[in-house]
Amino acid sequence: MDITALNGSSAGTPTTSAKNAAETQDRFLKLLVAQMNNQDPLNPMDNAQVTSQMAQIQQVTSLSTLDTSIKSLGGQLGQMQALQSISLVGREVSVPSDKIQVVGGEAEGSYELDGAAKNVKLEILGAAGNVIDTQQLGAQGSGRQTFTWKAGAFAAEGAEVKYRITATNGTAAVPSTTYAHDKVEAVYSDGGSLKLQLERLGPVDYTTVSAVN
């Protein structure tokens, strides 16, 4: 795999930025010298004014150097991210989704609760969005939880169904996020953004991966 294709656009060369900073500083110094040569002898520039202008050019140069460093660091992080993502090809990952697939007569999914819940309900939805099966998952703690749904006669082998989680703690609803598990087929760059091509769910952003199973 061509790793360079994953890096997106380059961050800009430090040599160019350094050259621009040097040119800016040179122009400023020439302007300052000309200003001092043509100043009124009876009303010369005071030391504070000269110091202030020198501080300004120093600040501009420092900001240019900082910008170059940030761009260089960003490029390095992008390369590290690309290299790490390549290792995901062929692996199964978890991404935010409400779709699960029946394999071997059952489907697996996961969800994350924002807080502890006394009652958690799993609902499997049909093609029209209607509920075709319900399971009570009982009390659950906060954080990531997994489930396995036995399809039985509700869904055929290989079918993809949607699900939803309803969690409550007494009368208060507990927010949740649902996840699907899918295999990574390929990694590519799209407009500078790193993408994963999943077997069932299609393209997703690399940053949406919450776990590697």
N, C-alpha and C. Protein backbone atom coordinates (compact mmCIF):
# COMPACT_ATOMS: atom_id res chain seq x y z
N MET A 1 0.85 -1.21 0.00
CA MET A 1 0.00 0.00 0.00
C MET A 1 0.88 1.25 0.00
N ASP A 2 0.51 2.21 -0.79
CA ASP A 2 1.28 3.45 -0.90
C ASP A 2 0.93 4.36 0.27
N ILE A 3 1.84 4.42 1.25
CA ILE A 3 1.56 5.19 2.46
C ILE A 3 1.46 6.68 2.16
N THR A 4 2.19 7.14 1.17
CA THR A 4 2.18 8.58 0.87
C THR A 4 0.79 9.04 0.46
N ALA A 5 -0.03 8.12 -0.08
CA ALA A 5 -1.38 8.50 -0.50
C ALA A 5 -2.26 8.76 0.69
N LEU A 6 -1.85 8.30 1.88
CA LEU A 6 -2.68 8.47 3.05
C LEU A 6 -2.41 9.77 3.78
N ASN A 7 -1.34 10.44 3.41
CA ASN A 7 -0.92 11.59 4.19
C ASN A 7 -1.66 12.87 3.84
N GLY A 8 -2.36 12.89 2.70
CA GLY A 8 -3.06 14.11 2.29
C GLY A 8 -2.07 15.16 1.85
N SER A 9 -2.46 16.40 1.92
CA SER A 9 -1.60 17.48 1.49
C SER A 9 -0.49 17.69 2.50
N SER A 10 0.68 18.12 2.01
CA SER A 10 1.81 18.34 2.89
C SER A 10 1.61 19.60 3.70
N ALA A 11 2.34 19.70 4.82
CA ALA A 11 2.11 20.81 5.74
C ALA A 11 2.85 22.07 5.35
N GLY A 12 3.62 22.05 4.25
CA GLY A 12 4.38 23.24 3.85
C GLY A 12 5.81 23.07 4.31
N THR A 13 6.76 23.55 3.53
CA THR A 13 8.17 23.32 3.84
C THR A 13 8.67 24.36 4.82
N PRO A 14 9.41 23.92 5.88
CA PRO A 14 9.96 24.87 6.84
C PRO A 14 10.89 25.86 6.17
N THR A 15 11.61 25.43 5.08
CA THR A 15 12.55 26.32 4.40
C THR A 15 11.84 27.54 3.84
N THR A 16 10.68 27.33 3.23
CA THR A 16 9.91 28.44 2.66
C THR A 16 9.45 29.40 3.74
N SER A 17 8.94 28.85 4.87
CA SER A 17 8.47 29.70 5.96
C SER A 17 9.61 30.49 6.56
N ALA A 18 10.77 29.83 6.73
CA ALA A 18 11.92 30.52 7.30
C ALA A 18 12.39 31.63 6.38
N LYS A 19 12.36 31.38 5.06
CA LYS A 19 12.77 32.39 4.09
C LYS A 19 11.84 33.60 4.15
N ASN A 20 10.52 33.33 4.25
CA ASN A 20 9.56 34.42 4.33
C ASN A 20 9.78 35.25 5.59
N ALA A 21 10.09 34.57 6.71
CA ALA A 21 10.34 35.29 7.97
C ALA A 21 11.58 36.16 7.85
N ALA A 22 12.64 35.62 7.20
CA ALA A 22 13.89 36.37 7.04
C ALA A 22 13.66 37.59 6.15
N GLU A 23 12.87 37.43 5.08
CA GLU A 23 12.59 38.55 4.19
C GLU A 23 11.80 39.64 4.91
N THR A 24 10.84 39.22 5.74
CA THR A 24 10.05 40.19 6.51
C THR A 24 10.94 40.98 7.46
N GLN A 25 11.83 40.25 8.13
CA GLN A 25 12.74 40.92 9.07
C GLN A 25 13.68 41.88 8.34
N ASP A 26 14.18 41.48 7.17
CA ASP A 26 15.10 42.32 6.41
C ASP A 26 14.41 43.60 5.96
N ARG A 27 13.16 43.48 5.47
CA ARG A 27 12.41 44.67 5.04
C ARG A 27 12.18 45.62 6.21
N PHE A 28 11.88 45.04 7.36
CA PHE A 28 11.61 45.88 8.53
C PHE A 28 12.86 46.65 8.95
N LEU A 29 14.00 45.96 8.96
CA LEU A 29 15.24 46.61 9.38
C LEU A 29 15.63 47.72 8.41
N LYS A 30 15.45 47.47 7.10
CA LYS A 30 15.76 48.50 6.11
C LYS A 30 14.86 49.72 6.32
N LEU A 31 13.60 49.48 6.60
CA LEU A 31 12.66 50.57 6.83
C LEU A 31 13.04 51.35 8.09
N LEU A 32 13.46 50.62 9.13
CA LEU A 32 13.84 51.28 10.37
C LEU A 32 15.09 52.13 10.19
N VAL A 33 16.10 51.61 9.44
CA VAL A 33 17.32 52.36 9.17
C VAL A 33 17.02 53.62 8.37
N ALA A 34 16.15 53.47 7.34
CA ALA A 34 15.77 54.63 6.53
C ALA A 34 15.06 55.67 7.37
N GLN A 35 14.23 55.21 8.28
CA GLN A 35 13.49 56.12 9.15
C GLN A 35 14.44 56.89 10.06
N MET A 36 15.47 56.19 10.58
CA MET A 36 16.43 56.85 11.46
C MET A 36 17.33 57.82 10.69
N ASN A 37 17.68 57.47 9.44
CA ASN A 37 18.52 58.34 8.62
C ASN A 37 17.80 59.63 8.25
N ASN A 38 16.48 59.56 8.14
CA ASN A 38 15.72 60.72 7.69
C ASN A 38 14.95 61.39 8.82
N GLN A 39 15.30 61.06 10.03
CA GLN A 39 14.58 61.65 11.16
C GLN A 39 15.01 63.11 11.37
N ASP A 40 14.17 63.84 12.03
CA ASP A 40 14.45 65.24 12.36
C ASP A 40 15.50 65.29 13.47
N PRO A 41 16.67 65.87 13.21
CA PRO A 41 17.72 65.92 14.23
C PRO A 41 17.27 66.60 15.52
N LEU A 42 16.31 67.53 15.37
CA LEU A 42 15.83 68.24 16.55
C LEU A 42 14.76 67.45 17.31
N ASN A 43 14.25 66.42 16.66
CA ASN A 43 13.21 65.59 17.30
C ASN A 43 13.46 64.13 16.97
N PRO A 44 14.58 63.57 17.42
CA PRO A 44 14.94 62.20 17.06
C PRO A 44 14.01 61.18 17.73
N MET A 45 14.03 59.99 17.17
CA MET A 45 13.27 58.88 17.77
C MET A 45 13.88 58.55 19.13
N ASP A 46 13.03 58.34 20.13
CA ASP A 46 13.56 57.99 21.45
C ASP A 46 13.82 56.48 21.52
N ASN A 47 14.58 56.11 22.52
CA ASN A 47 14.97 54.71 22.67
C ASN A 47 13.76 53.79 22.84
N ALA A 48 12.74 54.26 23.52
CA ALA A 48 11.55 53.44 23.75
C ALA A 48 10.85 53.10 22.44
N GLN A 49 10.81 54.09 21.53
CA GLN A 49 10.16 53.88 20.24
C GLN A 49 10.93 52.86 19.41
N VAL A 50 12.28 52.97 19.40
CA VAL A 50 13.11 52.02 18.66
C VAL A 50 12.95 50.63 19.24
N THR A 51 12.99 50.54 20.57
CA THR A 51 12.85 49.24 21.24
C THR A 51 11.51 48.60 20.92
N SER A 52 10.46 49.44 20.90
CA SER A 52 9.11 48.94 20.61
C SER A 52 9.04 48.34 19.21
N GLN A 53 9.64 49.04 18.24
CA GLN A 53 9.60 48.56 16.86
C GLN A 53 10.44 47.29 16.70
N MET A 54 11.58 47.19 17.40
CA MET A 54 12.39 45.99 17.36
C MET A 54 11.64 44.81 17.98
N ALA A 55 10.88 45.09 19.02
CA ALA A 55 10.11 44.03 19.68
C ALA A 55 9.03 43.51 18.74
N GLN A 56 8.48 44.41 17.93
CA GLN A 56 7.43 44.00 16.99
C GLN A 56 7.97 43.03 15.95
N ILE A 57 9.14 43.31 15.38
CA ILE A 57 9.70 42.42 14.38
C ILE A 57 10.10 41.09 15.01
N GLN A 58 10.57 41.14 16.26
CA GLN A 58 10.92 39.90 16.96
C GLN A 58 9.67 39.05 17.16
N GLN A 59 8.56 39.71 17.48
CA GLN A 59 7.31 38.99 17.68
C GLN A 59 6.84 38.34 16.39
N VAL A 60 6.93 39.07 15.27
CA VAL A 60 6.54 38.53 13.97
C VAL A 60 7.38 37.31 13.61
N THR A 61 8.71 37.43 13.84
CA THR A 61 9.62 36.32 13.54
C THR A 61 9.30 35.11 14.40
N SER A 62 9.01 35.34 15.69
CA SER A 62 8.70 34.24 16.60
C SER A 62 7.42 33.54 16.20
N LEU A 63 6.41 34.33 15.81
CA LEU A 63 5.14 33.74 15.38
C LEU A 63 5.32 32.91 14.12
N SER A 64 6.15 33.39 13.20
CA SER A 64 6.41 32.64 11.97
C SER A 64 7.08 31.32 12.27
N THR A 65 8.06 31.36 13.20
CA THR A 65 8.76 30.13 13.60
C THR A 65 7.80 29.17 14.27
N LEU A 66 6.91 29.70 15.15
CA LEU A 66 5.93 28.86 15.83
C LEU A 66 4.98 28.22 14.83
N ASP A 67 4.55 28.99 13.82
CA ASP A 67 3.64 28.47 12.80
C ASP A 67 4.31 27.33 12.04
N THR A 68 5.59 27.49 11.72
CA THR A 68 6.33 26.44 11.01
C THR A 68 6.41 25.18 11.85
N SER A 69 6.66 25.34 13.16
CA SER A 69 6.77 24.19 14.06
C SER A 69 5.44 23.46 14.17
N ILE A 70 4.35 24.22 14.26
CA ILE A 70 3.02 23.61 14.38
C ILE A 70 2.67 22.82 13.12
N LYS A 71 2.97 23.40 11.95
CA LYS A 71 2.69 22.71 10.70
C LYS A 71 3.51 21.43 10.58
N SER A 72 4.76 21.50 11.00
CA SER A 72 5.63 20.33 10.95
C SER A 72 5.11 19.23 11.87
N LEU A 73 4.68 19.62 13.08
CA LEU A 73 4.14 18.66 14.03
C LEU A 73 2.85 18.04 13.50
N GLY A 74 2.00 18.87 12.88
CA GLY A 74 0.75 18.36 12.31
C GLY A 74 1.01 17.33 11.23
N GLY A 75 2.03 17.59 10.39
CA GLY A 75 2.38 16.63 9.34
C GLY A 75 2.85 15.31 9.92
N GLN A 76 3.66 15.37 10.99
CA GLN A 76 4.16 14.16 11.64
C GLN A 76 3.02 13.36 12.27
N LEU A 77 2.07 14.06 12.91
CA LEU A 77 0.93 13.37 13.51
C LEU A 77 0.07 12.70 12.44
N GLY A 78 -0.09 13.38 11.30
CA GLY A 78 -0.86 12.80 10.20
C GLY A 78 -0.23 11.52 9.69
N GLN A 79 1.10 11.51 9.58
CA GLN A 79 1.81 10.32 9.13
C GLN A 79 1.67 9.18 10.14
N MET A 80 1.76 9.49 11.43
CA MET A 80 1.60 8.47 12.46
C MET A 80 0.19 7.88 12.42
N GLN A 81 -0.80 8.75 12.23
CA GLN A 81 -2.19 8.29 12.16
C GLN A 81 -2.40 7.37 10.96
N ALA A 82 -1.79 7.73 9.82
CA ALA A 82 -1.90 6.90 8.62
C ALA A 82 -1.29 5.52 8.83
N LEU A 83 -0.12 5.48 9.44
CA LEU A 83 0.56 4.22 9.70
C LEU A 83 -0.25 3.35 10.66
N GLN A 84 -0.83 3.96 11.69
CA GLN A 84 -1.64 3.21 12.65
C GLN A 84 -2.90 2.65 11.99
N SER A 85 -3.51 3.43 11.10
CA SER A 85 -4.75 3.00 10.47
C SER A 85 -4.55 1.81 9.56
N ILE A 86 -3.37 1.68 8.95
CA ILE A 86 -3.10 0.56 8.06
C ILE A 86 -3.23 -0.76 8.80
N SER A 87 -2.84 -0.78 10.07
CA SER A 87 -2.90 -2.01 10.86
C SER A 87 -4.33 -2.45 11.14
N LEU A 88 -5.32 -1.57 10.86
CA LEU A 88 -6.72 -1.92 11.10
C LEU A 88 -7.33 -2.74 9.97
N VAL A 89 -6.68 -2.78 8.81
CA VAL A 89 -7.23 -3.54 7.68
C VAL A 89 -7.35 -5.01 8.07
N GLY A 90 -8.55 -5.56 7.89
CA GLY A 90 -8.82 -6.94 8.26
C GLY A 90 -9.29 -7.11 9.69
N ARG A 91 -9.23 -6.02 10.48
CA ARG A 91 -9.68 -6.07 11.88
C ARG A 91 -11.13 -5.61 11.98
N GLU A 92 -11.78 -5.99 13.07
CA GLU A 92 -13.15 -5.55 13.33
C GLU A 92 -13.12 -4.37 14.29
N VAL A 93 -13.87 -3.32 13.96
CA VAL A 93 -13.89 -2.12 14.79
C VAL A 93 -15.33 -1.78 15.17
N SER A 94 -15.45 -0.97 16.20
CA SER A 94 -16.76 -0.48 16.64
C SER A 94 -16.90 0.98 16.24
N VAL A 95 -18.02 1.31 15.61
CA VAL A 95 -18.31 2.69 15.22
C VAL A 95 -19.75 3.01 15.58
N PRO A 96 -20.08 4.28 15.82
CA PRO A 96 -21.46 4.65 16.14
C PRO A 96 -22.41 4.24 15.02
N SER A 97 -23.39 3.42 15.33
CA SER A 97 -24.36 2.95 14.34
C SER A 97 -25.46 2.19 15.08
N ASP A 98 -26.61 2.07 14.42
CA ASP A 98 -27.71 1.28 15.00
C ASP A 98 -28.01 0.04 14.16
N LYS A 99 -27.02 -0.39 13.33
CA LYS A 99 -27.22 -1.53 12.44
C LYS A 99 -26.38 -2.73 12.90
N ILE A 100 -27.00 -3.88 12.96
CA ILE A 100 -26.30 -5.12 13.29
C ILE A 100 -26.69 -6.18 12.26
N GLN A 101 -25.82 -7.18 12.08
CA GLN A 101 -26.04 -8.20 11.06
C GLN A 101 -26.15 -9.58 11.72
N VAL A 102 -27.06 -10.38 11.20
CA VAL A 102 -27.27 -11.74 11.71
C VAL A 102 -26.21 -12.66 11.10
N VAL A 103 -25.40 -13.25 11.95
CA VAL A 103 -24.36 -14.18 11.53
C VAL A 103 -24.42 -15.40 12.44
N GLY A 104 -24.63 -16.58 11.85
CA GLY A 104 -24.75 -17.78 12.66
C GLY A 104 -25.99 -17.78 13.53
N GLY A 105 -27.04 -17.13 13.05
CA GLY A 105 -28.30 -17.11 13.78
C GLY A 105 -28.39 -16.07 14.88
N GLU A 106 -27.35 -15.21 15.04
CA GLU A 106 -27.41 -14.17 16.06
C GLU A 106 -26.67 -12.92 15.60
N ALA A 107 -26.93 -11.83 16.29
CA ALA A 107 -26.29 -10.55 15.96
C ALA A 107 -25.73 -9.93 17.22
N GLU A 108 -24.55 -9.34 17.09
CA GLU A 108 -23.90 -8.72 18.24
C GLU A 108 -23.80 -7.21 18.05
N GLY A 109 -23.95 -6.50 19.12
CA GLY A 109 -23.82 -5.05 19.10
C GLY A 109 -23.36 -4.57 20.46
N SER A 110 -23.20 -3.29 20.60
CA SER A 110 -22.80 -2.72 21.89
C SER A 110 -23.39 -1.33 22.03
N TYR A 111 -23.39 -0.84 23.25
CA TYR A 111 -23.91 0.50 23.53
C TYR A 111 -23.17 1.05 24.74
N GLU A 112 -23.25 2.36 24.87
CA GLU A 112 -22.59 3.03 25.99
C GLU A 112 -23.60 3.89 26.73
N LEU A 113 -23.68 3.69 28.04
CA LEU A 113 -24.61 4.46 28.87
C LEU A 113 -23.87 5.62 29.52
N ASP A 114 -24.53 6.78 29.54
CA ASP A 114 -23.93 7.95 30.17
C ASP A 114 -23.95 7.85 31.69
N GLY A 115 -24.77 6.95 32.21
CA GLY A 115 -24.86 6.75 33.66
C GLY A 115 -25.45 5.40 33.95
N ALA A 116 -25.49 5.05 35.22
CA ALA A 116 -26.07 3.77 35.62
C ALA A 116 -27.57 3.76 35.34
N ALA A 117 -28.10 2.59 34.97
CA ALA A 117 -29.52 2.46 34.67
C ALA A 117 -30.10 1.23 35.38
N LYS A 118 -31.29 1.37 35.93
CA LYS A 118 -31.94 0.24 36.60
C LYS A 118 -32.65 -0.67 35.59
N ASN A 119 -33.03 -0.08 34.47
CA ASN A 119 -33.71 -0.87 33.44
C ASN A 119 -33.17 -0.49 32.07
N VAL A 120 -32.76 -1.51 31.31
CA VAL A 120 -32.28 -1.30 29.95
C VAL A 120 -33.06 -2.22 29.02
N LYS A 121 -33.61 -1.65 27.97
CA LYS A 121 -34.43 -2.43 27.03
C LYS A 121 -33.82 -2.39 25.64
N LEU A 122 -33.70 -3.55 25.02
CA LEU A 122 -33.23 -3.67 23.65
C LEU A 122 -34.41 -3.94 22.74
N GLU A 123 -34.56 -3.13 21.69
CA GLU A 123 -35.62 -3.33 20.71
C GLU A 123 -35.01 -3.53 19.33
N ILE A 124 -35.45 -4.59 18.65
CA ILE A 124 -35.01 -4.87 17.29
C ILE A 124 -36.09 -4.38 16.34
N LEU A 125 -35.67 -3.61 15.32
CA LEU A 125 -36.63 -2.98 14.42
C LEU A 125 -36.66 -3.66 13.06
N GLY A 126 -37.84 -3.72 12.47
CA GLY A 126 -38.01 -4.27 11.13
C GLY A 126 -37.72 -3.22 10.08
N ALA A 127 -37.90 -3.60 8.83
CA ALA A 127 -37.61 -2.71 7.71
C ALA A 127 -38.45 -1.44 7.75
N ALA A 128 -39.68 -1.55 8.25
CA ALA A 128 -40.58 -0.39 8.31
C ALA A 128 -40.39 0.43 9.58
N GLY A 129 -39.42 0.03 10.42
CA GLY A 129 -39.18 0.76 11.66
C GLY A 129 -40.01 0.25 12.82
N ASN A 130 -40.78 -0.82 12.59
CA ASN A 130 -41.60 -1.40 13.65
C ASN A 130 -40.77 -2.33 14.53
N VAL A 131 -41.19 -2.48 15.77
CA VAL A 131 -40.49 -3.35 16.71
C VAL A 131 -40.86 -4.80 16.44
N ILE A 132 -39.86 -5.64 16.15
CA ILE A 132 -40.13 -7.06 15.87
C ILE A 132 -39.71 -7.97 17.02
N ASP A 133 -38.89 -7.45 17.94
CA ASP A 133 -38.51 -8.23 19.11
C ASP A 133 -38.00 -7.30 20.19
N THR A 134 -38.23 -7.71 21.44
CA THR A 134 -37.81 -6.91 22.59
C THR A 134 -37.13 -7.80 23.62
N GLN A 135 -36.04 -7.28 24.20
CA GLN A 135 -35.36 -7.99 25.28
C GLN A 135 -35.10 -7.03 26.42
N GLN A 136 -35.35 -7.51 27.64
CA GLN A 136 -35.04 -6.72 28.83
C GLN A 136 -33.63 -7.10 29.28
N LEU A 137 -32.73 -6.15 29.30
CA LEU A 137 -31.34 -6.42 29.64
C LEU A 137 -31.04 -6.17 31.11
N GLY A 138 -32.05 -5.68 31.87
CA GLY A 138 -31.89 -5.50 33.29
C GLY A 138 -31.09 -4.26 33.66
N ALA A 139 -30.55 -4.28 34.88
CA ALA A 139 -29.78 -3.13 35.37
C ALA A 139 -28.37 -3.18 34.78
N GLN A 140 -27.86 -2.00 34.42
CA GLN A 140 -26.53 -1.90 33.82
C GLN A 140 -25.80 -0.70 34.41
N GLY A 141 -24.48 -0.85 34.53
CA GLY A 141 -23.68 0.28 35.00
C GLY A 141 -23.37 1.22 33.85
N SER A 142 -22.79 2.35 34.16
CA SER A 142 -22.42 3.30 33.12
C SER A 142 -21.26 2.75 32.30
N GLY A 143 -21.11 3.28 31.09
CA GLY A 143 -20.02 2.84 30.23
C GLY A 143 -20.46 1.86 29.16
N ARG A 144 -19.48 1.17 28.55
CA ARG A 144 -19.74 0.29 27.42
C ARG A 144 -20.32 -1.05 27.86
N GLN A 145 -21.37 -1.47 27.16
CA GLN A 145 -22.01 -2.76 27.39
C GLN A 145 -22.18 -3.47 26.04
N THR A 146 -22.21 -4.79 26.05
CA THR A 146 -22.40 -5.56 24.82
C THR A 146 -23.63 -6.45 24.95
N PHE A 147 -24.16 -6.86 23.81
CA PHE A 147 -25.31 -7.77 23.83
C PHE A 147 -25.24 -8.71 22.62
N THR A 148 -25.91 -9.82 22.74
CA THR A 148 -26.07 -10.78 21.64
C THR A 148 -27.55 -11.06 21.47
N TRP A 149 -28.05 -10.83 20.29
CA TRP A 149 -29.47 -11.06 19.99
C TRP A 149 -29.62 -12.30 19.14
N LYS A 150 -30.42 -13.26 19.60
CA LYS A 150 -30.69 -14.47 18.84
C LYS A 150 -31.85 -14.21 17.89
N ALA A 151 -31.55 -14.27 16.62
CA ALA A 151 -32.54 -13.86 15.61
C ALA A 151 -33.73 -14.81 15.52
N GLY A 152 -33.50 -16.13 15.60
CA GLY A 152 -34.59 -17.09 15.47
C GLY A 152 -35.33 -16.90 14.16
N ALA A 153 -36.64 -16.79 14.25
CA ALA A 153 -37.46 -16.62 13.06
C ALA A 153 -37.67 -15.14 12.71
N PHE A 154 -37.08 -14.25 13.50
CA PHE A 154 -37.30 -12.83 13.28
C PHE A 154 -36.52 -12.29 12.08
N ALA A 155 -35.35 -12.85 11.82
CA ALA A 155 -34.52 -12.35 10.72
C ALA A 155 -33.70 -13.49 10.14
N ALA A 156 -33.52 -13.47 8.82
CA ALA A 156 -32.79 -14.52 8.12
C ALA A 156 -31.28 -14.35 8.29
N GLU A 157 -30.54 -15.41 7.99
CA GLU A 157 -29.09 -15.36 8.05
C GLU A 157 -28.55 -14.30 7.08
N GLY A 158 -27.65 -13.47 7.58
CA GLY A 158 -27.06 -12.41 6.76
C GLY A 158 -27.88 -11.13 6.72
N ALA A 159 -29.06 -11.15 7.30
CA ALA A 159 -29.91 -9.95 7.28
C ALA A 159 -29.33 -8.86 8.17
N GLU A 160 -29.58 -7.63 7.79
CA GLU A 160 -29.15 -6.49 8.59
C GLU A 160 -30.38 -5.83 9.19
N VAL A 161 -30.36 -5.66 10.50
CA VAL A 161 -31.50 -5.05 11.20
C VAL A 161 -31.00 -3.87 12.03
N LYS A 162 -31.94 -3.01 12.37
CA LYS A 162 -31.62 -1.88 13.24
C LYS A 162 -32.08 -2.19 14.66
N TYR A 163 -31.47 -1.50 15.61
CA TYR A 163 -31.87 -1.69 17.00
C TYR A 163 -31.81 -0.37 17.74
N ARG A 164 -32.44 -0.33 18.90
CA ARG A 164 -32.36 0.85 19.75
C ARG A 164 -32.34 0.41 21.22
N ILE A 165 -31.73 1.25 22.02
CA ILE A 165 -31.61 1.00 23.45
C ILE A 165 -32.38 2.08 24.20
N THR A 166 -33.22 1.65 25.14
CA THR A 166 -33.93 2.57 26.01
C THR A 166 -33.52 2.27 27.44
N ALA A 167 -32.89 3.23 28.09
CA ALA A 167 -32.40 3.03 29.45
C ALA A 167 -33.01 4.06 30.39
N THR A 168 -33.40 3.60 31.58
CA THR A 168 -33.98 4.50 32.57
C THR A 168 -33.42 4.20 33.95
N ASN A 169 -33.40 5.21 34.76
CA ASN A 169 -33.01 5.07 36.17
C ASN A 169 -34.14 5.67 36.98
N GLY A 170 -35.08 4.84 37.38
CA GLY A 170 -36.31 5.33 37.98
C GLY A 170 -37.17 5.94 36.88
N THR A 171 -37.51 7.20 37.02
CA THR A 171 -38.30 7.88 35.99
C THR A 171 -37.42 8.68 35.04
N ALA A 172 -36.13 8.73 35.32
CA ALA A 172 -35.22 9.53 34.49
C ALA A 172 -34.62 8.68 33.38
N ALA A 173 -34.61 9.25 32.17
CA ALA A 173 -34.00 8.57 31.03
C ALA A 173 -32.48 8.69 31.12
N VAL A 174 -31.79 7.62 30.74
CA VAL A 174 -30.33 7.61 30.72
C VAL A 174 -29.88 7.63 29.26
N PRO A 175 -29.21 8.68 28.81
CA PRO A 175 -28.76 8.75 27.41
C PRO A 175 -27.81 7.60 27.08
N SER A 176 -27.88 7.15 25.83
CA SER A 176 -27.01 6.05 25.40
C SER A 176 -26.56 6.28 23.96
N THR A 177 -25.45 5.65 23.60
CA THR A 177 -24.93 5.68 22.24
C THR A 177 -24.80 4.25 21.76
N THR A 178 -25.34 3.96 20.57
CA THR A 178 -25.29 2.59 20.05
C THR A 178 -24.13 2.44 19.07
N TYR A 179 -23.57 1.22 19.03
CA TYR A 179 -22.43 0.93 18.17
C TYR A 179 -22.67 -0.34 17.37
N ALA A 180 -22.01 -0.39 16.21
CA ALA A 180 -22.03 -1.60 15.38
C ALA A 180 -20.60 -2.08 15.20
N HIS A 181 -20.44 -3.38 14.98
CA HIS A 181 -19.12 -3.96 14.75
C HIS A 181 -19.02 -4.32 13.27
N ASP A 182 -17.91 -3.92 12.65
CA ASP A 182 -17.74 -4.19 11.22
C ASP A 182 -16.25 -4.33 10.91
N LYS A 183 -15.96 -5.02 9.82
CA LYS A 183 -14.57 -5.28 9.45
C LYS A 183 -14.04 -4.20 8.50
N VAL A 184 -12.79 -3.80 8.72
CA VAL A 184 -12.15 -2.79 7.89
C VAL A 184 -11.58 -3.46 6.63
N GLU A 185 -12.01 -2.97 5.46
CA GLU A 185 -11.53 -3.52 4.19
C GLU A 185 -10.38 -2.72 3.61
N ALA A 186 -10.40 -1.40 3.82
CA ALA A 186 -9.37 -0.54 3.23
C ALA A 186 -9.27 0.77 3.99
N VAL A 187 -8.16 1.45 3.78
CA VAL A 187 -7.91 2.76 4.37
C VAL A 187 -7.52 3.71 3.25
N TYR A 188 -8.07 4.90 3.25
CA TYR A 188 -7.73 5.87 2.20
C TYR A 188 -7.93 7.29 2.70
N SER A 189 -7.38 8.23 1.96
CA SER A 189 -7.49 9.64 2.29
C SER A 189 -8.49 10.31 1.36
N ASP A 190 -9.36 11.13 1.94
CA ASP A 190 -10.37 11.83 1.15
C ASP A 190 -10.41 13.29 1.59
N GLY A 191 -9.86 14.17 0.74
CA GLY A 191 -9.84 15.59 1.06
C GLY A 191 -9.05 15.90 2.31
N GLY A 192 -7.98 15.13 2.55
CA GLY A 192 -7.15 15.36 3.73
C GLY A 192 -7.66 14.67 4.98
N SER A 193 -8.82 14.00 4.87
CA SER A 193 -9.40 13.28 6.01
C SER A 193 -9.20 11.78 5.82
N LEU A 194 -8.77 11.11 6.87
CA LEU A 194 -8.51 9.68 6.81
C LEU A 194 -9.83 8.91 6.92
N LYS A 195 -10.06 7.99 5.99
CA LYS A 195 -11.31 7.23 5.96
C LYS A 195 -11.03 5.73 6.05
N LEU A 196 -12.01 5.01 6.62
CA LEU A 196 -11.97 3.55 6.64
C LEU A 196 -13.14 3.04 5.80
N GLN A 197 -12.88 2.07 4.94
CA GLN A 197 -13.94 1.43 4.17
C GLN A 197 -14.33 0.16 4.91
N LEU A 198 -15.57 0.15 5.45
CA LEU A 198 -16.04 -0.99 6.21
C LEU A 198 -16.83 -1.95 5.32
N GLU A 199 -16.81 -3.20 5.67
CA GLU A 199 -17.42 -4.25 4.85
C GLU A 199 -18.91 -4.02 4.64
N ARG A 200 -19.65 -3.68 5.70
CA ARG A 200 -21.10 -3.51 5.59
C ARG A 200 -21.52 -2.05 5.59
N LEU A 201 -20.90 -1.27 6.45
CA LEU A 201 -21.36 0.10 6.69
C LEU A 201 -20.78 1.12 5.72
N GLY A 202 -19.80 0.69 4.91
CA GLY A 202 -19.22 1.62 3.94
C GLY A 202 -18.20 2.54 4.56
N PRO A 203 -17.98 3.73 3.98
CA PRO A 203 -16.93 4.63 4.47
C PRO A 203 -17.30 5.35 5.76
N VAL A 204 -16.34 5.41 6.68
CA VAL A 204 -16.52 6.16 7.93
C VAL A 204 -15.22 6.90 8.22
N ASP A 205 -15.31 7.96 8.99
CA ASP A 205 -14.11 8.69 9.41
C ASP A 205 -13.30 7.84 10.39
N TYR A 206 -12.00 7.91 10.24
CA TYR A 206 -11.11 7.18 11.15
C TYR A 206 -11.35 7.58 12.60
N THR A 207 -11.69 8.86 12.82
CA THR A 207 -11.87 9.36 14.18
C THR A 207 -13.12 8.81 14.87
N THR A 208 -14.03 8.18 14.12
CA THR A 208 -15.26 7.65 14.74
C THR A 208 -15.04 6.28 15.36
N VAL A 209 -13.91 5.65 15.11
CA VAL A 209 -13.64 4.32 15.68
C VAL A 209 -13.51 4.45 17.19
N SER A 210 -14.35 3.73 17.92
CA SER A 210 -14.33 3.80 19.39
C SER A 210 -13.60 2.63 20.02
N ALA A 211 -13.47 1.51 19.27
CA ALA A 211 -12.79 0.34 19.80
C ALA A 211 -12.39 -0.58 18.67
N VAL A 212 -11.33 -1.35 18.91
CA VAL A 212 -10.90 -2.39 17.97
C VAL A 212 -11.17 -3.72 18.62
N ASN A 213 -12.00 -4.54 18.00
CA ASN A 213 -12.44 -5.78 18.63
C ASN A 213 -11.48 -6.94 18.29
